[in-house]
Amino acid sequence: MWADPVTGASPHVWDRAVGWYFVALVEVLEVFPETHPGYAKLKTYLTTLADGLQKAQDVSGGWWLIMVSTDVRSACETYTNIVRSTLAG
C-alpha cells in the first residue's frame, strides 16, 4: 500500500499538484470577501503551505518534482516558477 494506513498520507508529495493548489489559494483569496467566514481558514492554509514550501526549498532555489524523494532527482522548472511568482505576490 502506498499510503499510510492510519493517516492516509502518501510518503511523497507531487510538487506540481501542490503548486497549482498554491496558485488556486492565492487567486481565490484575491476575490473572496475578507468578511466571509471561510476567508481566515483559506488564508491559514496559504500561510502554512508557503512556510512549508520555503522549508522544503532546495539550496539551488528550486523544488524537486517529488518532495522527500531520494530516488527521483528531476527539478520541475514550471513548478519552481509557479511557486516563486506566487511567493513574490
PDB file of N, CA and C in Angstrom:
ATOM      1  N   MET A   1       0.850  -1.173   0.000  1.00  0.00           N
ATOM      2  CA  MET A   1       0.000   0.000   0.000  1.00  0.00           C
ATOM      3  C   MET A   1       0.893   1.232   0.000  1.00  0.00           C
ATOM      4  N   TRP A   2       0.583   2.210  -0.860  1.00  0.00           N
ATOM      5  CA  TRP A   2       1.436   3.380  -0.976  1.00  0.00           C
ATOM      6  C   TRP A   2       1.140   4.454   0.068  1.00  0.00           C
ATOM      7  N   ALA A   3      -0.039   4.416   0.686  1.00  0.00           N
ATOM      8  CA  ALA A   3      -0.407   5.435   1.676  1.00  0.00           C
ATOM      9  C   ALA A   3      -0.335   4.869   3.085  1.00  0.00           C
ATOM     10  N   ASP A   4      -0.082   5.731   4.044  1.00  0.00           N
ATOM     11  CA  ASP A   4      -0.064   5.351   5.446  1.00  0.00           C
ATOM     12  C   ASP A   4      -1.464   4.858   5.826  1.00  0.00           C
ATOM     13  N   PRO A   5      -1.578   3.648   6.395  1.00  0.00           N
ATOM     14  CA  PRO A   5      -2.896   3.097   6.703  1.00  0.00           C
ATOM     15  C   PRO A   5      -3.651   3.877   7.785  1.00  0.00           C
ATOM     16  N   VAL A   6      -2.947   4.619   8.618  1.00  0.00           N
ATOM     17  CA  VAL A   6      -3.595   5.370   9.696  1.00  0.00           C
ATOM     18  C   VAL A   6      -3.997   6.773   9.233  1.00  0.00           C
ATOM     19  N   THR A   7      -3.043   7.508   8.650  1.00  0.00           N
ATOM     20  CA  THR A   7      -3.307   8.901   8.277  1.00  0.00           C
ATOM     21  C   THR A   7      -3.832   9.066   6.858  1.00  0.00           C
ATOM     22  N   GLY A   8      -3.560   8.080   6.005  1.00  0.00           N
ATOM     23  CA  GLY A   8      -3.942   8.197   4.603  1.00  0.00           C
ATOM     24  C   GLY A   8      -2.968   9.018   3.783  1.00  0.00           C
ATOM     25  N   ALA A   9      -1.915   9.501   4.425  1.00  0.00           N
ATOM     26  CA  ALA A   9      -0.934  10.354   3.754  1.00  0.00           C
ATOM     27  C   ALA A   9       0.029   9.529   2.906  1.00  0.00           C
ATOM     28  N   SER A  10       0.400  10.099   1.800  1.00  0.00           N
ATOM     29  CA  SER A  10       1.390   9.476   0.926  1.00  0.00           C
ATOM     30  C   SER A  10       2.788   9.778   1.462  1.00  0.00           C
ATOM     31  N   PRO A  11       3.748   8.881   1.254  1.00  0.00           N
ATOM     32  CA  PRO A  11       5.113   9.168   1.696  1.00  0.00           C
ATOM     33  C   PRO A  11       5.794  10.218   0.804  1.00  0.00           C
ATOM     34  N   HIS A  12       5.195  10.527  -0.335  1.00  0.00           N
ATOM     35  CA  HIS A  12       5.756  11.509  -1.263  1.00  0.00           C
ATOM     36  C   HIS A  12       4.686  12.527  -1.634  1.00  0.00           C
ATOM     37  N   VAL A  13       5.114  13.724  -1.953  1.00  0.00           N
ATOM     38  CA  VAL A  13       4.201  14.788  -2.355  1.00  0.00           C
ATOM     39  C   VAL A  13       4.577  15.234  -3.757  1.00  0.00           C
ATOM     40  N   TRP A  14       3.604  15.282  -4.648  1.00  0.00           N
ATOM     41  CA  TRP A  14       3.848  15.682  -6.025  1.00  0.00           C
ATOM     42  C   TRP A  14       3.793  17.200  -6.099  1.00  0.00           C
ATOM     43  N   ASP A  15       4.939  17.828  -6.310  1.00  0.00           N
ATOM     44  CA  ASP A  15       5.043  19.276  -6.249  1.00  0.00           C
ATOM     45  C   ASP A  15       4.174  20.018  -7.250  1.00  0.00           C
ATOM     46  N   ARG A  16       3.990  19.472  -8.429  1.00  0.00           N
ATOM     47  CA  ARG A  16       3.193  20.170  -9.426  1.00  0.00           C
ATOM     48  C   ARG A  16       1.765  20.377  -8.917  1.00  0.00           C
ATOM     49  N   ALA A  17       1.206  19.366  -8.292  1.00  0.00           N
ATOM     50  CA  ALA A  17      -0.143  19.488  -7.730  1.00  0.00           C
ATOM     51  C   ALA A  17      -0.165  20.519  -6.605  1.00  0.00           C
ATOM     52  N   VAL A  18       0.863  20.519  -5.774  1.00  0.00           N
ATOM     53  CA  VAL A  18       0.950  21.488  -4.683  1.00  0.00           C
ATOM     54  C   VAL A  18       1.050  22.900  -5.257  1.00  0.00           C
ATOM     55  N   GLY A  19       1.797  23.047  -6.342  1.00  0.00           N
ATOM     56  CA  GLY A  19       1.942  24.352  -6.980  1.00  0.00           C
ATOM     57  C   GLY A  19       0.613  24.900  -7.466  1.00  0.00           C
ATOM     58  N   TRP A  20      -0.174  24.061  -8.119  1.00  0.00           N
ATOM     59  CA  TRP A  20      -1.481  24.514  -8.601  1.00  0.00           C
ATOM     60  C   TRP A  20      -2.417  24.810  -7.437  1.00  0.00           C
ATOM     61  N   TYR A  21      -2.350  24.038  -6.378  1.00  0.00           N
ATOM     62  CA  TYR A  21      -3.154  24.298  -5.183  1.00  0.00           C
ATOM     63  C   TYR A  21      -2.773  25.649  -4.590  1.00  0.00           C
ATOM     64  N   PHE A  22      -1.478  25.924  -4.544  1.00  0.00           N
ATOM     65  CA  PHE A  22      -0.951  27.178  -4.016  1.00  0.00           C
ATOM     66  C   PHE A  22      -1.492  28.357  -4.827  1.00  0.00           C
ATOM     67  N   VAL A  23      -1.400  28.266  -6.145  1.00  0.00           N
ATOM     68  CA  VAL A  23      -1.895  29.321  -7.024  1.00  0.00           C
ATOM     69  C   VAL A  23      -3.407  29.505  -6.847  1.00  0.00           C
ATOM     70  N   ALA A  24      -4.127  28.396  -6.739  1.00  0.00           N
ATOM     71  CA  ALA A  24      -5.580  28.480  -6.568  1.00  0.00           C
ATOM     72  C   ALA A  24      -5.944  29.201  -5.270  1.00  0.00           C
ATOM     73  N   LEU A  25      -5.225  28.912  -4.190  1.00  0.00           N
ATOM     74  CA  LEU A  25      -5.488  29.607  -2.929  1.00  0.00           C
ATOM     75  C   LEU A  25      -5.284  31.110  -3.074  1.00  0.00           C
ATOM     76  N   VAL A  26      -4.201  31.498  -3.727  1.00  0.00           N
ATOM     77  CA  VAL A  26      -3.915  32.931  -3.922  1.00  0.00           C
ATOM     78  C   VAL A  26      -5.024  33.580  -4.745  1.00  0.00           C
ATOM     79  N   GLU A  27      -5.411  32.937  -5.840  1.00  0.00           N
ATOM     80  CA  GLU A  27      -6.423  33.517  -6.717  1.00  0.00           C
ATOM     81  C   GLU A  27      -7.797  33.601  -6.045  1.00  0.00           C
ATOM     82  N   VAL A  28      -8.146  32.584  -5.270  1.00  0.00           N
ATOM     83  CA  VAL A  28      -9.429  32.615  -4.568  1.00  0.00           C
ATOM     84  C   VAL A  28      -9.425  33.726  -3.516  1.00  0.00           C
ATOM     85  N   LEU A  29      -8.332  33.861  -2.782  1.00  0.00           N
ATOM     86  CA  LEU A  29      -8.271  34.892  -1.745  1.00  0.00           C
ATOM     87  C   LEU A  29      -8.314  36.302  -2.322  1.00  0.00           C
ATOM     88  N   GLU A  30      -7.884  36.463  -3.566  1.00  0.00           N
ATOM     89  CA  GLU A  30      -7.941  37.783  -4.195  1.00  0.00           C
ATOM     90  C   GLU A  30      -9.375  38.240  -4.458  1.00  0.00           C
ATOM     91  N   VAL A  31     -10.289  37.307  -4.660  1.00  0.00           N
ATOM     92  CA  VAL A  31     -11.674  37.675  -4.971  1.00  0.00           C
ATOM     93  C   VAL A  31     -12.655  37.349  -3.838  1.00  0.00           C
ATOM     94  N   PHE A  32     -12.210  36.592  -2.860  1.00  0.00           N
ATOM     95  CA  PHE A  32     -13.057  36.195  -1.737  1.00  0.00           C
ATOM     96  C   PHE A  32     -13.186  37.374  -0.774  1.00  0.00           C
ATOM     97  N   PRO A  33     -14.377  37.708  -0.306  1.00  0.00           N
ATOM     98  CA  PRO A  33     -14.506  38.805   0.667  1.00  0.00           C
ATOM     99  C   PRO A  33     -13.820  38.443   1.990  1.00  0.00           C
ATOM    100  N   GLU A  34     -13.046  39.364   2.508  1.00  0.00           N
ATOM    101  CA  GLU A  34     -12.350  39.108   3.778  1.00  0.00           C
ATOM    102  C   GLU A  34     -13.325  38.899   4.930  1.00  0.00           C
ATOM    103  N   THR A  35     -14.531  39.356   4.762  1.00  0.00           N
ATOM    104  CA  THR A  35     -15.551  39.205   5.806  1.00  0.00           C
ATOM    105  C   THR A  35     -16.214  37.829   5.789  1.00  0.00           C
ATOM    106  N   HIS A  36     -15.957  37.047   4.749  1.00  0.00           N
ATOM    107  CA  HIS A  36     -16.548  35.709   4.644  1.00  0.00           C
ATOM    108  C   HIS A  36     -15.987  34.823   5.758  1.00  0.00           C
ATOM    109  N   PRO A  37     -16.833  34.005   6.392  1.00  0.00           N
ATOM    110  CA  PRO A  37     -16.373  33.142   7.490  1.00  0.00           C
ATOM    111  C   PRO A  37     -15.230  32.193   7.100  1.00  0.00           C
ATOM    112  N   GLY A  38     -15.124  31.788   5.850  1.00  0.00           N
ATOM    113  CA  GLY A  38     -14.075  30.862   5.438  1.00  0.00           C
ATOM    114  C   GLY A  38     -12.766  31.518   5.023  1.00  0.00           C
ATOM    115  N   TYR A  39     -12.745  32.848   4.952  1.00  0.00           N
ATOM    116  CA  TYR A  39     -11.555  33.559   4.480  1.00  0.00           C
ATOM    117  C   TYR A  39     -10.335  33.264   5.363  1.00  0.00           C
ATOM    118  N   ALA A  40     -10.502  33.372   6.652  1.00  0.00           N
ATOM    119  CA  ALA A  40      -9.373  33.169   7.581  1.00  0.00           C
ATOM    120  C   ALA A  40      -8.804  31.755   7.461  1.00  0.00           C
ATOM    121  N   LYS A  41      -9.680  30.776   7.271  1.00  0.00           N
ATOM    122  CA  LYS A  41      -9.223  29.391   7.141  1.00  0.00           C
ATOM    123  C   LYS A  41      -8.385  29.221   5.872  1.00  0.00           C
ATOM    124  N   LEU A  42      -8.864  29.782   4.750  1.00  0.00           N
ATOM    125  CA  LEU A  42      -8.105  29.702   3.499  1.00  0.00           C
ATOM    126  C   LEU A  42      -6.768  30.431   3.619  1.00  0.00           C
ATOM    127  N   LYS A  43      -6.779  31.565   4.288  1.00  0.00           N
ATOM    128  CA  LYS A  43      -5.537  32.340   4.483  1.00  0.00           C
ATOM    129  C   LYS A  43      -4.544  31.535   5.317  1.00  0.00           C
ATOM    130  N   THR A  44      -5.043  30.814   6.315  1.00  0.00           N
ATOM    131  CA  THR A  44      -4.176  29.959   7.134  1.00  0.00           C
ATOM    132  C   THR A  44      -3.594  28.827   6.293  1.00  0.00           C
ATOM    133  N   TYR A  45      -4.406  28.231   5.424  1.00  0.00           N
ATOM    134  CA  TYR A  45      -3.897  27.195   4.514  1.00  0.00           C
ATOM    135  C   TYR A  45      -2.754  27.741   3.668  1.00  0.00           C
ATOM    136  N   LEU A  46      -2.957  28.941   3.121  1.00  0.00           N
ATOM    137  CA  LEU A  46      -1.942  29.556   2.269  1.00  0.00           C
ATOM    138  C   LEU A  46      -0.650  29.833   3.041  1.00  0.00           C
ATOM    139  N   THR A  47      -0.781  30.413   4.213  1.00  0.00           N
ATOM    140  CA  THR A  47       0.392  30.738   5.029  1.00  0.00           C
ATOM    141  C   THR A  47       1.149  29.482   5.448  1.00  0.00           C
ATOM    142  N   THR A  48       0.419  28.473   5.878  1.00  0.00           N
ATOM    143  CA  THR A  48       1.044  27.214   6.284  1.00  0.00           C
ATOM    144  C   THR A  48       1.759  26.557   5.109  1.00  0.00           C
ATOM    145  N   LEU A  49       1.112  26.551   3.946  1.00  0.00           N
ATOM    146  CA  LEU A  49       1.715  25.967   2.754  1.00  0.00           C
ATOM    147  C   LEU A  49       2.964  26.747   2.341  1.00  0.00           C
ATOM    148  N   ALA A  50       2.890  28.067   2.363  1.00  0.00           N
ATOM    149  CA  ALA A  50       4.041  28.896   1.991  1.00  0.00           C
ATOM    150  C   ALA A  50       5.224  28.627   2.921  1.00  0.00           C
ATOM    151  N   ASP A  51       4.967  28.522   4.212  1.00  0.00           N
ATOM    152  CA  ASP A  51       6.037  28.220   5.176  1.00  0.00           C
ATOM    153  C   ASP A  51       6.661  26.858   4.886  1.00  0.00           C
ATOM    154  N   GLY A  52       5.817  25.872   4.614  1.00  0.00           N
ATOM    155  CA  GLY A  52       6.319  24.529   4.321  1.00  0.00           C
ATOM    156  C   GLY A  52       7.131  24.490   3.037  1.00  0.00           C
ATOM    157  N   LEU A  53       6.680  25.224   2.023  1.00  0.00           N
ATOM    158  CA  LEU A  53       7.412  25.259   0.755  1.00  0.00           C
ATOM    159  C   LEU A  53       8.779  25.903   0.916  1.00  0.00           C
ATOM    160  N   GLN A  54       8.835  26.956   1.689  1.00  0.00           N
ATOM    161  CA  GLN A  54      10.126  27.607   1.911  1.00  0.00           C
ATOM    162  C   GLN A  54      11.091  26.678   2.642  1.00  0.00           C
ATOM    163  N   LYS A  55      10.589  25.895   3.576  1.00  0.00           N
ATOM    164  CA  LYS A  55      11.427  24.945   4.306  1.00  0.00           C
ATOM    165  C   LYS A  55      11.910  23.809   3.412  1.00  0.00           C
ATOM    166  N   ALA A  56      11.110  23.461   2.401  1.00  0.00           N
ATOM    167  CA  ALA A  56      11.450  22.350   1.507  1.00  0.00           C
ATOM    168  C   ALA A  56      12.280  22.776   0.302  1.00  0.00           C
ATOM    169  N   GLN A  57      12.509  24.069   0.170  1.00  0.00           N
ATOM    170  CA  GLN A  57      13.244  24.568  -0.995  1.00  0.00           C
ATOM    171  C   GLN A  57      14.679  24.051  -0.995  1.00  0.00           C
ATOM    172  N   ASP A  58      15.138  23.647  -2.179  1.00  0.00           N
ATOM    173  CA  ASP A  58      16.494  23.159  -2.355  1.00  0.00           C
ATOM    174  C   ASP A  58      17.477  24.328  -2.278  1.00  0.00           C
ATOM    175  N   VAL A  59      18.733  24.038  -1.957  1.00  0.00           N
ATOM    176  CA  VAL A  59      19.751  25.092  -1.888  1.00  0.00           C
ATOM    177  C   VAL A  59      19.939  25.804  -3.225  1.00  0.00           C
ATOM    178  N   SER A  60      19.554  25.159  -4.323  1.00  0.00           N
ATOM    179  CA  SER A  60      19.670  25.779  -5.642  1.00  0.00           C
ATOM    180  C   SER A  60      18.572  26.811  -5.879  1.00  0.00           C
ATOM    181  N   GLY A  61      17.568  26.838  -5.008  1.00  0.00           N
ATOM    182  CA  GLY A  61      16.472  27.774  -5.160  1.00  0.00           C
ATOM    183  C   GLY A  61      15.229  27.168  -5.768  1.00  0.00           C
ATOM    184  N   GLY A  62      15.266  25.889  -6.087  1.00  0.00           N
ATOM    185  CA  GLY A  62      14.119  25.222  -6.694  1.00  0.00           C
ATOM    186  C   GLY A  62      13.542  24.171  -5.784  1.00  0.00           C
ATOM    187  N   TRP A  63      12.623  23.405  -6.348  1.00  0.00           N
ATOM    188  CA  TRP A  63      11.991  22.308  -5.616  1.00  0.00           C
ATOM    189  C   TRP A  63      12.064  21.066  -6.466  1.00  0.00           C
ATOM    190  N   TRP A  64      12.156  19.917  -5.833  1.00  0.00           N
ATOM    191  CA  TRP A  64      12.169  18.647  -6.560  1.00  0.00           C
ATOM    192  C   TRP A  64      10.767  18.337  -7.032  1.00  0.00           C
ATOM    193  N   LEU A  65      10.660  17.623  -8.122  1.00  0.00           N
ATOM    194  CA  LEU A  65       9.364  17.254  -8.681  1.00  0.00           C
ATOM    195  C   LEU A  65       8.553  16.453  -7.663  1.00  0.00           C
ATOM    196  N   ILE A  66       9.227  15.578  -6.935  1.00  0.00           N
ATOM    197  CA  ILE A  66       8.575  14.817  -5.876  1.00  0.00           C
ATOM    198  C   ILE A  66       9.303  15.129  -4.576  1.00  0.00           C
ATOM    199  N   MET A  67       8.585  15.693  -3.610  1.00  0.00           N
ATOM    200  CA  MET A  67       9.184  16.073  -2.336  1.00  0.00           C
ATOM    201  C   MET A  67       9.661  14.846  -1.571  1.00  0.00           C
ATOM    202  N   VAL A  68      10.700  15.016  -0.820  1.00  0.00           N
ATOM    203  CA  VAL A  68      11.259  14.000   0.058  1.00  0.00           C
ATOM    204  C   VAL A  68      11.615  12.735  -0.713  1.00  0.00           C
ATOM    205  N   SER A  69      12.009  12.900  -1.924  1.00  0.00           N
ATOM    206  CA  SER A  69      12.360  11.754  -2.742  1.00  0.00           C
ATOM    207  C   SER A  69      13.866  11.651  -2.863  1.00  0.00           C
ATOM    208  N   THR A  70      14.387  10.480  -2.566  1.00  0.00           N
ATOM    209  CA  THR A  70      15.818  10.273  -2.712  1.00  0.00           C
ATOM    210  C   THR A  70      16.150   9.608  -4.032  1.00  0.00           C
ATOM    211  N   ASP A  71      15.144   9.048  -4.694  1.00  0.00           N
ATOM    212  CA  ASP A  71      15.420   8.341  -5.935  1.00  0.00           C
ATOM    213  C   ASP A  71      15.018   9.136  -7.178  1.00  0.00           C
ATOM    214  N   VAL A  72      14.176  10.139  -7.029  1.00  0.00           N
ATOM    215  CA  VAL A  72      13.776  10.959  -8.170  1.00  0.00           C
ATOM    216  C   VAL A  72      14.378  12.342  -7.985  1.00  0.00           C
ATOM    217  N   ARG A  73      15.295  12.708  -8.846  1.00  0.00           N
ATOM    218  CA  ARG A  73      16.001  13.978  -8.709  1.00  0.00           C
ATOM    219  C   ARG A  73      15.855  14.871  -9.933  1.00  0.00           C
ATOM    220  N   SER A  74      14.646  14.986 -10.466  1.00  0.00           N
ATOM    221  CA  SER A  74      14.452  15.869 -11.608  1.00  0.00           C
ATOM    222  C   SER A  74      13.711  17.111 -11.143  1.00  0.00           C
ATOM    223  N   ALA A  75      14.342  18.256 -11.256  1.00  0.00           N
ATOM    224  CA  ALA A  75      13.716  19.503 -10.834  1.00  0.00           C
ATOM    225  C   ALA A  75      12.617  19.876 -11.818  1.00  0.00           C
ATOM    226  N   CYS A  76      11.573  20.447 -11.311  1.00  0.00           N
ATOM    227  CA  CYS A  76      10.451  20.842 -12.157  1.00  0.00           C
ATOM    228  C   CYS A  76      10.486  22.365 -12.306  1.00  0.00           C
ATOM    229  N   GLU A  77      10.983  22.842 -13.437  1.00  0.00           N
ATOM    230  CA  GLU A  77      11.147  24.277 -13.670  1.00  0.00           C
ATOM    231  C   GLU A  77       9.802  25.006 -13.631  1.00  0.00           C
ATOM    232  N   THR A  78       8.786  24.422 -14.223  1.00  0.00           N
ATOM    233  CA  THR A  78       7.473  25.059 -14.238  1.00  0.00           C
ATOM    234  C   THR A  78       6.965  25.254 -12.818  1.00  0.00           C
ATOM    235  N   TYR A  79       7.093  24.234 -12.001  1.00  0.00           N
ATOM    236  CA  TYR A  79       6.636  24.312 -10.623  1.00  0.00           C
ATOM    237  C   TYR A  79       7.400  25.379  -9.863  1.00  0.00           C
ATOM    238  N   THR A  80       8.718  25.395 -10.035  1.00  0.00           N
ATOM    239  CA  THR A  80       9.544  26.385  -9.351  1.00  0.00           C
ATOM    240  C   THR A  80       9.105  27.791  -9.728  1.00  0.00           C
ATOM    241  N   ASN A  81       8.842  28.023 -11.002  1.00  0.00           N
ATOM    242  CA  ASN A  81       8.400  29.344 -11.452  1.00  0.00           C
ATOM    243  C   ASN A  81       7.036  29.713 -10.872  1.00  0.00           C
ATOM    244  N   ILE A  82       6.134  28.740 -10.796  1.00  0.00           N
ATOM    245  CA  ILE A  82       4.808  28.998 -10.215  1.00  0.00           C
ATOM    246  C   ILE A  82       4.952  29.428  -8.762  1.00  0.00           C
ATOM    247  N   VAL A  83       5.719  28.673  -7.996  1.00  0.00           N
ATOM    248  CA  VAL A  83       5.861  28.974  -6.565  1.00  0.00           C
ATOM    249  C   VAL A  83       6.582  30.299  -6.375  1.00  0.00           C
ATOM    250  N   ARG A  84       7.658  30.535  -7.108  1.00  0.00           N
ATOM    251  CA  ARG A  84       8.387  31.800  -6.970  1.00  0.00           C
ATOM    252  C   ARG A  84       7.491  33.000  -7.262  1.00  0.00           C
ATOM    253  N   SER A  85       6.729  32.939  -8.342  1.00  0.00           N
ATOM    254  CA  SER A  85       5.888  34.075  -8.696  1.00  0.00           C
ATOM    255  C   SER A  85       4.766  34.258  -7.679  1.00  0.00           C
ATOM    256  N   THR A  86       4.246  33.161  -7.123  1.00  0.00           N
ATOM    257  CA  THR A  86       3.188  33.263  -6.133  1.00  0.00           C
ATOM    258  C   THR A  86       3.720  33.814  -4.818  1.00  0.00           C
ATOM    259  N   LEU A  87       4.901  33.371  -4.388  1.00  0.00           N
ATOM    260  CA  LEU A  87       5.500  33.886  -3.163  1.00  0.00           C
ATOM    261  C   LEU A  87       5.852  35.358  -3.307  1.00  0.00           C
ATOM    262  N   ALA A  88       6.234  35.768  -4.511  1.00  0.00           N
ATOM    263  CA  ALA A  88       6.605  37.169  -4.747  1.00  0.00           C
ATOM    264  C   ALA A  88       5.382  38.083  -4.673  1.00  0.00           C
ATOM    265  N   GLY A  89       4.216  37.476  -4.892  1.00  0.00           N
ATOM    266  CA  GLY A  89       2.964  38.173  -4.741  1.00  0.00           C
ATOM    267  C   GLY A  89       2.601  39.055  -5.858  1.00  0.00           C
TER     268      GLY A  89
END
